[in-house]
Amino acid sequence: MMYVIAYSLHGEDNEVTQERISAALKTMGNWSNRMDDCWLLESNSSARRIRDHLKQFLGERDRMFVARISRNWAGRNMGNGFPEWMGRREFGDFPNG
């Protein structure tokens, strides 16, 4: 399944927080981070489990949003190879309704 993870850091040591989040995300599955503070992640976990794993790195005022995405996506200026990379990802099935 594919997820988008976006966050906004409002702490005192954002560089360290950024490094810790990046390191954690890179261990969780296939990933792409072609935009600042926004990642795509292929994982068998749920959005809640991804959030719960990453929130240990967040400060009191930091924000994070995790959502599962479908194959229905569009991008602009995402770089060479991005459409092919996305085409190789597993999005899973979404129930009707």
PDB file of N, CA and C in Angstrom:
ATOM      1  N   MET A   1       0.839  -1.171   0.000  1.00  0.00           N
ATOM      2  CA  MET A   1       0.000   0.000   0.000  1.00  0.00           C
ATOM      3  C   MET A   1       0.888   1.240   0.000  1.00  0.00           C
ATOM      4  N   MET A   2       0.378   2.281  -0.608  1.00  0.00           N
ATOM      5  CA  MET A   2       1.147   3.528  -0.713  1.00  0.00           C
ATOM      6  C   MET A   2       0.570   4.590   0.215  1.00  0.00           C
ATOM      7  N   TYR A   3       1.474   5.318   0.835  1.00  0.00           N
ATOM      8  CA  TYR A   3       1.093   6.375   1.764  1.00  0.00           C
ATOM      9  C   TYR A   3       1.833   7.657   1.427  1.00  0.00           C
ATOM     10  N   VAL A   4       1.209   8.769   1.743  1.00  0.00           N
ATOM     11  CA  VAL A   4       1.875  10.059   1.723  1.00  0.00           C
ATOM     12  C   VAL A   4       2.043  10.477   3.183  1.00  0.00           C
ATOM     13  N   ILE A   5       3.238  10.930   3.519  1.00  0.00           N
ATOM     14  CA  ILE A   5       3.548  11.404   4.861  1.00  0.00           C
ATOM     15  C   ILE A   5       4.053  12.839   4.726  1.00  0.00           C
ATOM     16  N   ALA A   6       3.353  13.757   5.335  1.00  0.00           N
ATOM     17  CA  ALA A   6       3.747  15.170   5.302  1.00  0.00           C
ATOM     18  C   ALA A   6       3.877  15.650   6.736  1.00  0.00           C
ATOM     19  N   TYR A   7       4.834  16.522   6.962  1.00  0.00           N
ATOM     20  CA  TYR A   7       5.009  17.042   8.312  1.00  0.00           C
ATOM     21  C   TYR A   7       5.528  18.467   8.276  1.00  0.00           C
ATOM     22  N   SER A   8       5.316  19.132   9.384  1.00  0.00           N
ATOM     23  CA  SER A   8       5.759  20.511   9.575  1.00  0.00           C
ATOM     24  C   SER A   8       6.420  20.580  10.948  1.00  0.00           C
ATOM     25  N   LEU A   9       7.681  20.953  10.957  1.00  0.00           N
ATOM     26  CA  LEU A   9       8.452  20.962  12.203  1.00  0.00           C
ATOM     27  C   LEU A   9       8.494  22.368  12.785  1.00  0.00           C
ATOM     28  N   HIS A  10       8.244  22.461  14.098  1.00  0.00           N
ATOM     29  CA  HIS A  10       8.183  23.752  14.775  1.00  0.00           C
ATOM     30  C   HIS A  10       8.997  23.742  16.065  1.00  0.00           C
ATOM     31  N   GLY A  11       9.987  22.868  16.130  1.00  0.00           N
ATOM     32  CA  GLY A  11      10.794  22.761  17.340  1.00  0.00           C
ATOM     33  C   GLY A  11      12.069  23.569  17.254  1.00  0.00           C
ATOM     34  N   GLU A  12      12.926  23.372  18.224  1.00  0.00           N
ATOM     35  CA  GLU A  12      14.181  24.113  18.302  1.00  0.00           C
ATOM     36  C   GLU A  12      15.293  23.466  17.484  1.00  0.00           C
ATOM     37  N   ASP A  13      15.256  22.166  17.312  1.00  0.00           N
ATOM     38  CA  ASP A  13      16.327  21.467  16.612  1.00  0.00           C
ATOM     39  C   ASP A  13      15.749  20.697  15.421  1.00  0.00           C
ATOM     40  N   ASN A  14      15.193  21.430  14.468  1.00  0.00           N
ATOM     41  CA  ASN A  14      14.509  20.809  13.336  1.00  0.00           C
ATOM     42  C   ASN A  14      15.433  19.973  12.465  1.00  0.00           C
ATOM     43  N   GLU A  15      16.689  20.332  12.372  1.00  0.00           N
ATOM     44  CA  GLU A  15      17.619  19.574  11.535  1.00  0.00           C
ATOM     45  C   GLU A  15      17.801  18.152  12.055  1.00  0.00           C
ATOM     46  N   VAL A  16      17.952  18.009  13.355  1.00  0.00           N
ATOM     47  CA  VAL A  16      18.091  16.682  13.969  1.00  0.00           C
ATOM     48  C   VAL A  16      16.791  15.901  13.813  1.00  0.00           C
ATOM     49  N   THR A  17      15.663  16.557  14.046  1.00  0.00           N
ATOM     50  CA  THR A  17      14.365  15.901  13.890  1.00  0.00           C
ATOM     51  C   THR A  17      14.195  15.419  12.462  1.00  0.00           C
ATOM     52  N   GLN A  18      14.538  16.253  11.498  1.00  0.00           N
ATOM     53  CA  GLN A  18      14.441  15.890  10.084  1.00  0.00           C
ATOM     54  C   GLN A  18      15.288  14.656   9.782  1.00  0.00           C
ATOM     55  N   GLU A  19      16.501  14.618  10.287  1.00  0.00           N
ATOM     56  CA  GLU A  19      17.394  13.480  10.066  1.00  0.00           C
ATOM     57  C   GLU A  19      16.824  12.202  10.672  1.00  0.00           C
ATOM     58  N   ARG A  20      16.251  12.293  11.840  1.00  0.00           N
ATOM     59  CA  ARG A  20      15.686  11.112  12.503  1.00  0.00           C
ATOM     60  C   ARG A  20      14.465  10.588  11.771  1.00  0.00           C
ATOM     61  N   ILE A  21      13.594  11.485  11.333  1.00  0.00           N
ATOM     62  CA  ILE A  21      12.418  11.067  10.572  1.00  0.00           C
ATOM     63  C   ILE A  21      12.857  10.426   9.259  1.00  0.00           C
ATOM     64  N   SER A  22      13.790  11.046   8.576  1.00  0.00           N
ATOM     65  CA  SER A  22      14.289  10.505   7.307  1.00  0.00           C
ATOM     66  C   SER A  22      14.871   9.118   7.496  1.00  0.00           C
ATOM     67  N   ALA A  23      15.695   8.938   8.502  1.00  0.00           N
ATOM     68  CA  ALA A  23      16.314   7.638   8.754  1.00  0.00           C
ATOM     69  C   ALA A  23      15.249   6.580   9.050  1.00  0.00           C
ATOM     70  N   ALA A  24      14.248   6.942   9.838  1.00  0.00           N
ATOM     71  CA  ALA A  24      13.191   5.985  10.176  1.00  0.00           C
ATOM     72  C   ALA A  24      12.379   5.611   8.942  1.00  0.00           C
ATOM     73  N   LEU A  25      12.003   6.595   8.132  1.00  0.00           N
ATOM     74  CA  LEU A  25      11.212   6.312   6.936  1.00  0.00           C
ATOM     75  C   LEU A  25      11.968   5.413   5.965  1.00  0.00           C
ATOM     76  N   LYS A  26      13.253   5.603   5.851  1.00  0.00           N
ATOM     77  CA  LYS A  26      14.053   4.814   4.910  1.00  0.00           C
ATOM     78  C   LYS A  26      14.120   3.345   5.296  1.00  0.00           C
ATOM     79  N   THR A  27      13.806   3.012   6.534  1.00  0.00           N
ATOM     80  CA  THR A  27      13.816   1.611   6.971  1.00  0.00           C
ATOM     81  C   THR A  27      12.447   0.952   6.846  1.00  0.00           C
ATOM     82  N   MET A  28      11.423   1.727   6.485  1.00  0.00           N
ATOM     83  CA  MET A  28      10.049   1.233   6.535  1.00  0.00           C
ATOM     84  C   MET A  28       9.532   0.678   5.213  1.00  0.00           C
ATOM     85  N   GLY A  29      10.268   0.828   4.115  1.00  0.00           N
ATOM     86  CA  GLY A  29       9.818   0.317   2.825  1.00  0.00           C
ATOM     87  C   GLY A  29      10.366   1.155   1.690  1.00  0.00           C
ATOM     88  N   ASN A  30       9.852   0.926   0.473  1.00  0.00           N
ATOM     89  CA  ASN A  30      10.245   1.745  -0.666  1.00  0.00           C
ATOM     90  C   ASN A  30       9.737   3.161  -0.443  1.00  0.00           C
ATOM     91  N   TRP A  31      10.566   4.140  -0.718  1.00  0.00           N
ATOM     92  CA  TRP A  31      10.211   5.518  -0.399  1.00  0.00           C
ATOM     93  C   TRP A  31      10.702   6.474  -1.478  1.00  0.00           C
ATOM     94  N   SER A  32      10.109   7.657  -1.470  1.00  0.00           N
ATOM     95  CA  SER A  32      10.541   8.764  -2.322  1.00  0.00           C
ATOM     96  C   SER A  32      10.297  10.045  -1.545  1.00  0.00           C
ATOM     97  N   ASN A  33      11.245  10.950  -1.614  1.00  0.00           N
ATOM     98  CA  ASN A  33      11.071  12.249  -0.941  1.00  0.00           C
ATOM     99  C   ASN A  33      11.489  13.379  -1.878  1.00  0.00           C
ATOM    100  N   ARG A  34      10.777  13.525  -2.944  1.00  0.00           N
ATOM    101  CA  ARG A  34      11.110  14.513  -3.966  1.00  0.00           C
ATOM    102  C   ARG A  34      10.624  15.911  -3.634  1.00  0.00           C
ATOM    103  N   MET A  35       9.923  16.073  -2.510  1.00  0.00           N
ATOM    104  CA  MET A  35       9.487  17.394  -2.044  1.00  0.00           C
ATOM    105  C   MET A  35       9.855  17.538  -0.574  1.00  0.00           C
ATOM    106  N   ASP A  36      10.168  18.745  -0.178  1.00  0.00           N
ATOM    107  CA  ASP A  36      10.534  19.001   1.210  1.00  0.00           C
ATOM    108  C   ASP A  36       9.413  18.574   2.157  1.00  0.00           C
ATOM    109  N   ASP A  37       9.785  17.876   3.192  1.00  0.00           N
ATOM    110  CA  ASP A  37       8.874  17.494   4.273  1.00  0.00           C
ATOM    111  C   ASP A  37       7.657  16.698   3.808  1.00  0.00           C
ATOM    112  N   CYS A  38       7.798  15.986   2.714  1.00  0.00           N
ATOM    113  CA  CYS A  38       6.717  15.155   2.186  1.00  0.00           C
ATOM    114  C   CYS A  38       7.327  13.899   1.574  1.00  0.00           C
ATOM    115  N   TRP A  39       6.865  12.757   1.980  1.00  0.00           N
ATOM    116  CA  TRP A  39       7.406  11.478   1.526  1.00  0.00           C
ATOM    117  C   TRP A  39       6.292  10.613   0.964  1.00  0.00           C
ATOM    118  N   LEU A  40       6.649   9.744   0.056  1.00  0.00           N
ATOM    119  CA  LEU A  40       5.800   8.644  -0.375  1.00  0.00           C
ATOM    120  C   LEU A  40       6.432   7.376   0.156  1.00  0.00           C
ATOM    121  N   LEU A  41       5.614   6.490   0.688  1.00  0.00           N
ATOM    122  CA  LEU A  41       6.116   5.273   1.311  1.00  0.00           C
ATOM    123  C   LEU A  41       5.242   4.102   0.925  1.00  0.00           C
ATOM    124  N   GLU A  42       5.873   3.016   0.460  1.00  0.00           N
ATOM    125  CA  GLU A  42       5.177   1.762   0.209  1.00  0.00           C
ATOM    126  C   GLU A  42       5.371   0.884   1.440  1.00  0.00           C
ATOM    127  N   SER A  43       4.268   0.523   2.085  1.00  0.00           N
ATOM    128  CA  SER A  43       4.348  -0.226   3.333  1.00  0.00           C
ATOM    129  C   SER A  43       3.101  -1.071   3.526  1.00  0.00           C
ATOM    130  N   ASN A  44       3.240  -2.175   4.236  1.00  0.00           N
ATOM    131  CA  ASN A  44       2.087  -3.004   4.594  1.00  0.00           C
ATOM    132  C   ASN A  44       1.459  -2.560   5.909  1.00  0.00           C
ATOM    133  N   SER A  45       2.024  -1.555   6.544  1.00  0.00           N
ATOM    134  CA  SER A  45       1.470  -1.032   7.794  1.00  0.00           C
ATOM    135  C   SER A  45       0.260  -0.152   7.512  1.00  0.00           C
ATOM    136  N   SER A  46      -0.458   0.188   8.563  1.00  0.00           N
ATOM    137  CA  SER A  46      -1.571   1.125   8.443  1.00  0.00           C
ATOM    138  C   SER A  46      -1.056   2.552   8.643  1.00  0.00           C
ATOM    139  N   ALA A  47      -1.852   3.519   8.258  1.00  0.00           N
ATOM    140  CA  ALA A  47      -1.487   4.922   8.468  1.00  0.00           C
ATOM    141  C   ALA A  47      -1.247   5.191   9.955  1.00  0.00           C
ATOM    142  N   ARG A  48      -2.087   4.644  10.789  1.00  0.00           N
ATOM    143  CA  ARG A  48      -1.948   4.843  12.240  1.00  0.00           C
ATOM    144  C   ARG A  48      -0.625   4.274  12.759  1.00  0.00           C
ATOM    145  N   ARG A  49      -0.252   3.087  12.284  1.00  0.00           N
ATOM    146  CA  ARG A  49       1.010   2.475  12.745  1.00  0.00           C
ATOM    147  C   ARG A  49       2.217   3.265  12.250  1.00  0.00           C
ATOM    148  N   ILE A  50       2.149   3.778  11.024  1.00  0.00           N
ATOM    149  CA  ILE A  50       3.237   4.606  10.511  1.00  0.00           C
ATOM    150  C   ILE A  50       3.368   5.862  11.363  1.00  0.00           C
ATOM    151  N   ARG A  51       2.246   6.537  11.598  1.00  0.00           N
ATOM    152  CA  ARG A  51       2.254   7.730  12.448  1.00  0.00           C
ATOM    153  C   ARG A  51       2.791   7.424  13.841  1.00  0.00           C
ATOM    154  N   ASP A  52       2.308   6.347  14.431  1.00  0.00           N
ATOM    155  CA  ASP A  52       2.732   6.011  15.790  1.00  0.00           C
ATOM    156  C   ASP A  52       4.235   5.721  15.855  1.00  0.00           C
ATOM    157  N   HIS A  53       4.778   5.113  14.806  1.00  0.00           N
ATOM    158  CA  HIS A  53       6.219   4.848  14.777  1.00  0.00           C
ATOM    159  C   HIS A  53       7.013   6.147  14.658  1.00  0.00           C
ATOM    160  N   LEU A  54       6.537   7.062  13.846  1.00  0.00           N
ATOM    161  CA  LEU A  54       7.286   8.297  13.589  1.00  0.00           C
ATOM    162  C   LEU A  54       7.089   9.371  14.651  1.00  0.00           C
ATOM    163  N   LYS A  55       6.001   9.328  15.399  1.00  0.00           N
ATOM    164  CA  LYS A  55       5.726  10.414  16.342  1.00  0.00           C
ATOM    165  C   LYS A  55       6.746  10.489  17.481  1.00  0.00           C
ATOM    166  N   GLN A  56       7.504   9.428  17.694  1.00  0.00           N
ATOM    167  CA  GLN A  56       8.546   9.469  18.720  1.00  0.00           C
ATOM    168  C   GLN A  56       9.623  10.506  18.399  1.00  0.00           C
ATOM    169  N   PHE A  57       9.722  10.900  17.131  1.00  0.00           N
ATOM    170  CA  PHE A  57      10.729  11.871  16.720  1.00  0.00           C
ATOM    171  C   PHE A  57      10.199  13.303  16.700  1.00  0.00           C
ATOM    172  N   LEU A  58       8.903  13.466  16.902  1.00  0.00           N
ATOM    173  CA  LEU A  58       8.286  14.780  16.792  1.00  0.00           C
ATOM    174  C   LEU A  58       8.270  15.519  18.115  1.00  0.00           C
ATOM    175  N   GLY A  59       8.386  16.831  18.022  1.00  0.00           N
ATOM    176  CA  GLY A  59       8.268  17.679  19.192  1.00  0.00           C
ATOM    177  C   GLY A  59       6.817  18.000  19.482  1.00  0.00           C
ATOM    178  N   GLU A  60       6.597  18.688  20.564  1.00  0.00           N
ATOM    179  CA  GLU A  60       5.253  19.017  21.038  1.00  0.00           C
ATOM    180  C   GLU A  60       4.423  19.775  19.998  1.00  0.00           C
ATOM    181  N   ARG A  61       5.034  20.680  19.255  1.00  0.00           N
ATOM    182  CA  ARG A  61       4.295  21.520  18.299  1.00  0.00           C
ATOM    183  C   ARG A  61       4.397  21.036  16.853  1.00  0.00           C
ATOM    184  N   ASP A  62       5.170  19.972  16.597  1.00  0.00           N
ATOM    185  CA  ASP A  62       5.326  19.456  15.248  1.00  0.00           C
ATOM    186  C   ASP A  62       4.035  18.790  14.783  1.00  0.00           C
ATOM    187  N   ARG A  63       3.789  18.867  13.477  1.00  0.00           N
ATOM    188  CA  ARG A  63       2.587  18.268  12.900  1.00  0.00           C
ATOM    189  C   ARG A  63       2.968  17.178  11.910  1.00  0.00           C
ATOM    190  N   MET A  64       2.086  16.173  11.793  1.00  0.00           N
ATOM    191  CA  MET A  64       2.307  15.102  10.827  1.00  0.00           C
ATOM    192  C   MET A  64       0.964  14.622  10.304  1.00  0.00           C
ATOM    193  N   PHE A  65       0.933  14.315   9.012  1.00  0.00           N
ATOM    194  CA  PHE A  65      -0.258  13.771   8.365  1.00  0.00           C
ATOM    195  C   PHE A  65       0.168  12.542   7.571  1.00  0.00           C
ATOM    196  N   VAL A  66      -0.533  11.425   7.759  1.00  0.00           N
ATOM    197  CA  VAL A  66      -0.258  10.179   7.040  1.00  0.00           C
ATOM    198  C   VAL A  66      -1.569   9.719   6.413  1.00  0.00           C
ATOM    199  N   ALA A  67      -1.539   9.458   5.102  1.00  0.00           N
ATOM    200  CA  ALA A  67      -2.757   9.002   4.420  1.00  0.00           C
ATOM    201  C   ALA A  67      -2.399   7.986   3.349  1.00  0.00           C
ATOM    202  N   ARG A  68      -3.257   7.014   3.195  1.00  0.00           N
ATOM    203  CA  ARG A  68      -3.092   6.024   2.137  1.00  0.00           C
ATOM    204  C   ARG A  68      -3.563   6.640   0.822  1.00  0.00           C
ATOM    205  N   ILE A  69      -2.835   6.361  -0.257  1.00  0.00           N
ATOM    206  CA  ILE A  69      -3.210   6.909  -1.556  1.00  0.00           C
ATOM    207  C   ILE A  69      -3.494   5.786  -2.548  1.00  0.00           C
ATOM    208  N   SER A  70      -4.200   6.127  -3.600  1.00  0.00           N
ATOM    209  CA  SER A  70      -4.559   5.166  -4.628  1.00  0.00           C
ATOM    210  C   SER A  70      -3.694   5.378  -5.866  1.00  0.00           C
ATOM    211  N   ARG A  71      -3.941   4.562  -6.870  1.00  0.00           N
ATOM    212  CA  ARG A  71      -3.238   4.720  -8.143  1.00  0.00           C
ATOM    213  C   ARG A  71      -3.676   5.972  -8.880  1.00  0.00           C
ATOM    214  N   ASN A  72      -4.698   6.619  -8.421  1.00  0.00           N
ATOM    215  CA  ASN A  72      -5.212   7.832  -9.034  1.00  0.00           C
ATOM    216  C   ASN A  72      -4.401   9.025  -8.521  1.00  0.00           C
ATOM    217  N   TRP A  73      -3.279   9.285  -9.170  1.00  0.00           N
ATOM    218  CA  TRP A  73      -2.383  10.356  -8.732  1.00  0.00           C
ATOM    219  C   TRP A  73      -1.918  11.142  -9.957  1.00  0.00           C
ATOM    220  N   ALA A  74      -1.420  12.328  -9.709  1.00  0.00           N
ATOM    221  CA  ALA A  74      -0.846  13.165 -10.762  1.00  0.00           C
ATOM    222  C   ALA A  74       0.268  13.986 -10.135  1.00  0.00           C
ATOM    223  N   GLY A  75       1.278  14.288 -10.910  1.00  0.00           N
ATOM    224  CA  GLY A  75       2.389  15.088 -10.412  1.00  0.00           C
ATOM    225  C   GLY A  75       2.925  15.985 -11.513  1.00  0.00           C
ATOM    226  N   ARG A  76       3.744  16.926 -11.119  1.00  0.00           N
ATOM    227  CA  ARG A  76       4.377  17.832 -12.076  1.00  0.00           C
ATOM    228  C   ARG A  76       5.803  18.090 -11.630  1.00  0.00           C
ATOM    229  N   ASN A  77       6.725  17.976 -12.562  1.00  0.00           N
ATOM    230  CA  ASN A  77       8.145  18.221 -12.285  1.00  0.00           C
ATOM    231  C   ASN A  77       8.674  17.345 -11.150  1.00  0.00           C
ATOM    232  N   MET A  78       8.275  16.088 -11.152  1.00  0.00           N
ATOM    233  CA  MET A  78       8.699  15.180 -10.085  1.00  0.00           C
ATOM    234  C   MET A  78      10.027  14.493 -10.392  1.00  0.00           C
ATOM    235  N   GLY A  79      10.605  14.760 -11.556  1.00  0.00           N
ATOM    236  CA  GLY A  79      11.921  14.219 -11.861  1.00  0.00           C
ATOM    237  C   GLY A  79      11.864  12.994 -12.747  1.00  0.00           C
ATOM    238  N   ASN A  80      13.008  12.707 -13.347  1.00  0.00           N
ATOM    239  CA  ASN A  80      13.134  11.549 -14.231  1.00  0.00           C
ATOM    240  C   ASN A  80      12.872  10.260 -13.475  1.00  0.00           C
ATOM    241  N   GLY A  81      12.141   9.380 -14.084  1.00  0.00           N
ATOM    242  CA  GLY A  81      11.907   8.067 -13.508  1.00  0.00           C
ATOM    243  C   GLY A  81      10.770   7.987 -12.509  1.00  0.00           C
ATOM    244  N   PHE A  82      10.214   9.117 -12.109  1.00  0.00           N
ATOM    245  CA  PHE A  82       9.170   9.079 -11.088  1.00  0.00           C
ATOM    246  C   PHE A  82       7.924   8.321 -11.535  1.00  0.00           C
ATOM    247  N   PRO A  83       7.380   8.582 -12.744  1.00  0.00           N
ATOM    248  CA  PRO A  83       6.196   7.813 -13.150  1.00  0.00           C
ATOM    249  C   PRO A  83       6.455   6.303 -13.190  1.00  0.00           C
ATOM    250  N   GLU A  84       7.629   5.911 -13.637  1.00  0.00           N
ATOM    251  CA  GLU A  84       7.967   4.482 -13.668  1.00  0.00           C
ATOM    252  C   GLU A  84       8.083   3.916 -12.249  1.00  0.00           C
ATOM    253  N   TRP A  85       8.681   4.686 -11.350  1.00  0.00           N
ATOM    254  CA  TRP A  85       8.803   4.250  -9.952  1.00  0.00           C
ATOM    255  C   TRP A  85       7.418   4.043  -9.358  1.00  0.00           C
ATOM    256  N   MET A  86       6.531   5.010  -9.574  1.00  0.00           N
ATOM    257  CA  MET A  86       5.168   4.890  -9.049  1.00  0.00           C
ATOM    258  C   MET A  86       4.448   3.700  -9.682  1.00  0.00           C
ATOM    259  N   GLY A  87       4.702   3.450 -10.958  1.00  0.00           N
ATOM    260  CA  GLY A  87       4.061   2.340 -11.639  1.00  0.00           C
ATOM    261  C   GLY A  87       4.451   0.976 -11.089  1.00  0.00           C
ATOM    262  N   ARG A  88       5.591   0.902 -10.439  1.00  0.00           N
ATOM    263  CA  ARG A  88       6.061  -0.362  -9.854  1.00  0.00           C
ATOM    264  C   ARG A  88       5.584  -0.549  -8.415  1.00  0.00           C
ATOM    265  N   ARG A  89       4.903   0.404  -7.845  1.00  0.00           N
ATOM    266  CA  ARG A  89       4.476   0.323  -6.452  1.00  0.00           C
ATOM    267  C   ARG A  89       3.171  -0.455  -6.324  1.00  0.00           C
ATOM    268  N   GLU A  90       2.948  -1.016  -5.153  1.00  0.00           N
ATOM    269  CA  GLU A  90       1.732  -1.748  -4.832  1.00  0.00           C
ATOM    270  C   GLU A  90       0.804  -0.829  -4.033  1.00  0.00           C
ATOM    271  N   PHE A  91      -0.365  -0.548  -4.572  1.00  0.00           N
ATOM    272  CA  PHE A  91      -1.318   0.356  -3.922  1.00  0.00           C
ATOM    273  C   PHE A  91      -2.383  -0.393  -3.149  1.00  0.00           C
ATOM    274  N   GLY A  92      -2.527  -1.685  -3.406  1.00  0.00           N
ATOM    275  CA  GLY A  92      -3.564  -2.452  -2.720  1.00  0.00           C
ATOM    276  C   GLY A  92      -4.930  -2.152  -3.290  1.00  0.00           C
ATOM    277  N   ASP A  93      -5.924  -2.846  -2.778  1.00  0.00           N
ATOM    278  CA  ASP A  93      -7.306  -2.666  -3.231  1.00  0.00           C
ATOM    279  C   ASP A  93      -8.040  -1.730  -2.286  1.00  0.00           C
ATOM    280  N   PHE A  94      -8.934  -0.942  -2.857  1.00  0.00           N
ATOM    281  CA  PHE A  94      -9.802  -0.081  -2.080  1.00  0.00           C
ATOM    282  C   PHE A  94     -11.225  -0.605  -2.217  1.00  0.00           C
ATOM    283  N   PRO A  95     -11.937  -0.789  -1.115  1.00  0.00           N
ATOM    284  CA  PRO A  95     -13.317  -1.261  -1.214  1.00  0.00           C
ATOM    285  C   PRO A  95     -14.187  -0.203  -1.895  1.00  0.00           C
ATOM    286  N   ASN A  96     -15.200  -0.661  -2.603  1.00  0.00           N
ATOM    287  CA  ASN A  96     -16.140   0.266  -3.238  1.00  0.00           C
ATOM    288  C   ASN A  96     -17.009   0.931  -2.188  1.00  0.00           C
ATOM    289  N   GLY A  97     -17.356   2.180  -2.459  1.00  0.00           N
ATOM    290  CA  GLY A  97     -18.275   2.873  -1.568  1.00  0.00           C
ATOM    291  C   GLY A  97     -17.611   3.884  -0.788  1.00  0.00           C
TER     292      GLY A  97
END
